[in-house]
Amino acid sequence: MSIKQLYLACRDKDEVALEMLIVQFHPLMMKVSLRYGYFDEDCYQECAIAMIKSIDKFSIR
């Protein structure tokens, strides 16, 4: 599935699509969470929460 298809499925409250979307963005969230040579779990969780909350606010043009 493409990111667009996953996003649209997430808008329809598909939990499997949400999990797949988080897996797609896992490397980026890991990169942001690896600061100062160690993994910051709180930062990773905040990234995941922000992504979930942004699904309803985002719109495709």
N, C-alpha and C. Protein backbone atom coordinates (compact mmCIF):
# COMPACT_ATOMS: atom_id res chain seq x y z
N MET A 1 0.83 -1.18 0.00
CA MET A 1 0.00 0.00 0.00
C MET A 1 0.88 1.25 0.00
N SER A 2 0.43 2.26 -0.68
CA SER A 2 1.15 3.52 -0.68
C SER A 2 0.82 4.29 0.60
N ILE A 3 1.61 5.31 0.88
CA ILE A 3 1.37 6.14 2.06
C ILE A 3 0.02 6.83 1.95
N LYS A 4 -0.34 7.24 0.73
CA LYS A 4 -1.63 7.89 0.53
C LYS A 4 -2.78 6.93 0.85
N GLN A 5 -2.67 5.70 0.39
CA GLN A 5 -3.72 4.71 0.67
C GLN A 5 -3.80 4.41 2.16
N LEU A 6 -2.64 4.32 2.81
CA LEU A 6 -2.62 4.08 4.25
C LEU A 6 -3.26 5.24 5.00
N TYR A 7 -2.92 6.45 4.57
CA TYR A 7 -3.51 7.65 5.20
C TYR A 7 -5.03 7.64 5.07
N LEU A 8 -5.52 7.36 3.88
CA LEU A 8 -6.98 7.34 3.66
C LEU A 8 -7.65 6.26 4.49
N ALA A 9 -7.00 5.11 4.62
CA ALA A 9 -7.55 4.04 5.44
C ALA A 9 -7.54 4.45 6.92
N CYS A 10 -6.50 5.16 7.34
CA CYS A 10 -6.43 5.63 8.73
C CYS A 10 -7.54 6.63 9.01
N ARG A 11 -7.87 7.46 8.04
CA ARG A 11 -8.97 8.41 8.22
C ARG A 11 -10.29 7.69 8.44
N ASP A 12 -10.39 6.45 7.90
CA ASP A 12 -11.59 5.62 8.08
C ASP A 12 -11.49 4.73 9.31
N LYS A 13 -10.53 5.05 10.20
CA LYS A 13 -10.36 4.36 11.48
C LYS A 13 -9.91 2.91 11.33
N ASP A 14 -9.10 2.62 10.32
CA ASP A 14 -8.54 1.28 10.12
C ASP A 14 -7.27 1.15 10.96
N GLU A 15 -7.32 0.34 12.02
CA GLU A 15 -6.20 0.21 12.94
C GLU A 15 -5.01 -0.50 12.31
N VAL A 16 -5.26 -1.44 11.41
CA VAL A 16 -4.18 -2.15 10.74
C VAL A 16 -3.41 -1.16 9.85
N ALA A 17 -4.11 -0.29 9.17
CA ALA A 17 -3.47 0.72 8.33
C ALA A 17 -2.65 1.69 9.19
N LEU A 18 -3.16 2.02 10.36
CA LEU A 18 -2.42 2.91 11.26
C LEU A 18 -1.11 2.27 11.69
N GLU A 19 -1.18 1.00 12.02
CA GLU A 19 0.04 0.28 12.40
C GLU A 19 1.03 0.23 11.24
N MET A 20 0.53 -0.02 10.04
CA MET A 20 1.39 -0.06 8.86
C MET A 20 2.01 1.31 8.59
N LEU A 21 1.26 2.38 8.81
CA LEU A 21 1.76 3.73 8.61
C LEU A 21 2.88 4.04 9.61
N ILE A 22 2.69 3.64 10.84
CA ILE A 22 3.72 3.85 11.86
C ILE A 22 4.98 3.05 11.50
N VAL A 23 4.81 1.85 11.00
CA VAL A 23 5.97 1.05 10.57
C VAL A 23 6.70 1.73 9.42
N GLN A 24 5.95 2.33 8.51
CA GLN A 24 6.56 3.06 7.38
C GLN A 24 7.45 4.21 7.87
N PHE A 25 7.01 4.90 8.91
CA PHE A 25 7.73 6.06 9.43
C PHE A 25 8.65 5.72 10.59
N HIS A 26 8.78 4.44 10.91
CA HIS A 26 9.64 4.01 12.02
C HIS A 26 11.08 4.49 11.86
N PRO A 27 11.70 4.35 10.68
CA PRO A 27 13.10 4.83 10.57
C PRO A 27 13.25 6.32 10.85
N LEU A 28 12.32 7.12 10.41
CA LEU A 28 12.39 8.56 10.67
C LEU A 28 12.22 8.85 12.16
N MET A 29 11.27 8.17 12.79
CA MET A 29 11.05 8.39 14.22
C MET A 29 12.25 7.91 15.02
N MET A 30 12.92 6.84 14.57
CA MET A 30 14.12 6.37 15.24
C MET A 30 15.24 7.39 15.11
N LYS A 31 15.38 7.98 13.93
CA LYS A 31 16.42 8.98 13.70
C LYS A 31 16.23 10.18 14.62
N VAL A 32 14.99 10.62 14.75
CA VAL A 32 14.71 11.76 15.62
C VAL A 32 14.94 11.38 17.09
N SER A 33 14.65 10.13 17.45
CA SER A 33 14.73 9.69 18.84
C SER A 33 16.16 9.37 19.29
N LEU A 34 17.05 9.17 18.34
CA LEU A 34 18.45 8.88 18.69
C LEU A 34 19.20 10.20 18.79
N ARG A 35 19.19 10.77 19.95
CA ARG A 35 19.87 12.04 20.19
C ARG A 35 21.00 11.82 21.19
N TYR A 36 22.09 12.47 20.96
CA TYR A 36 23.22 12.45 21.89
C TYR A 36 23.72 11.03 22.16
N GLY A 37 23.58 10.16 21.18
CA GLY A 37 24.13 8.81 21.28
C GLY A 37 23.29 7.80 22.04
N TYR A 38 22.07 8.15 22.41
CA TYR A 38 21.22 7.16 23.07
C TYR A 38 19.78 7.30 22.59
N PHE A 39 19.04 6.22 22.74
CA PHE A 39 17.65 6.17 22.31
C PHE A 39 16.75 6.77 23.38
N ASP A 40 15.96 7.75 23.00
CA ASP A 40 15.03 8.40 23.92
C ASP A 40 13.62 7.87 23.64
N GLU A 41 13.18 6.94 24.47
CA GLU A 41 11.89 6.29 24.27
C GLU A 41 10.73 7.27 24.36
N ASP A 42 10.84 8.24 25.26
CA ASP A 42 9.79 9.25 25.39
C ASP A 42 9.64 10.05 24.10
N CYS A 43 10.76 10.38 23.49
CA CYS A 43 10.73 11.13 22.23
C CYS A 43 10.05 10.30 21.14
N TYR A 44 10.38 9.00 21.09
CA TYR A 44 9.78 8.11 20.09
C TYR A 44 8.26 8.06 20.28
N GLN A 45 7.82 7.92 21.53
CA GLN A 45 6.39 7.86 21.81
C GLN A 45 5.71 9.17 21.45
N GLU A 46 6.36 10.29 21.73
CA GLU A 46 5.79 11.59 21.36
C GLU A 46 5.67 11.73 19.85
N CYS A 47 6.65 11.21 19.12
CA CYS A 47 6.59 11.24 17.64
C CYS A 47 5.39 10.43 17.15
N ALA A 48 5.20 9.24 17.73
CA ALA A 48 4.09 8.38 17.33
C ALA A 48 2.75 9.03 17.65
N ILE A 49 2.64 9.62 18.82
CA ILE A 49 1.40 10.29 19.22
C ILE A 49 1.11 11.48 18.30
N ALA A 50 2.15 12.25 17.99
CA ALA A 50 1.97 13.40 17.10
C ALA A 50 1.52 12.95 15.72
N MET A 51 2.05 11.84 15.24
CA MET A 51 1.65 11.33 13.93
C MET A 51 0.19 10.89 13.95
N ILE A 52 -0.22 10.21 15.00
CA ILE A 52 -1.60 9.74 15.11
C ILE A 52 -2.56 10.93 15.17
N LYS A 53 -2.22 11.94 15.96
CA LYS A 53 -3.08 13.12 16.08
C LYS A 53 -3.14 13.91 14.77
N SER A 54 -2.07 13.89 14.01
CA SER A 54 -2.03 14.69 12.78
C SER A 54 -2.86 14.08 11.65
N ILE A 55 -3.25 12.83 11.76
CA ILE A 55 -4.02 12.19 10.70
C ILE A 55 -5.33 12.93 10.45
N ASP A 56 -6.01 13.33 11.50
CA ASP A 56 -7.29 14.04 11.34
C ASP A 56 -7.11 15.47 10.87
N LYS A 57 -5.95 16.05 11.12
CA LYS A 57 -5.71 17.45 10.76
C LYS A 57 -5.15 17.61 9.35
N PHE A 58 -4.56 16.56 8.80
CA PHE A 58 -3.91 16.62 7.50
C PHE A 58 -4.93 16.49 6.38
N SER A 59 -4.70 17.20 5.28
CA SER A 59 -5.59 17.06 4.12
C SER A 59 -4.75 16.96 2.86
N ILE A 60 -5.17 16.09 1.97
CA ILE A 60 -4.49 15.90 0.69
C ILE A 60 -5.05 16.89 -0.30
N ARG A 61 -4.17 17.59 -0.99
CA ARG A 61 -4.63 18.58 -1.98
C ARG A 61 -4.60 18.01 -3.36
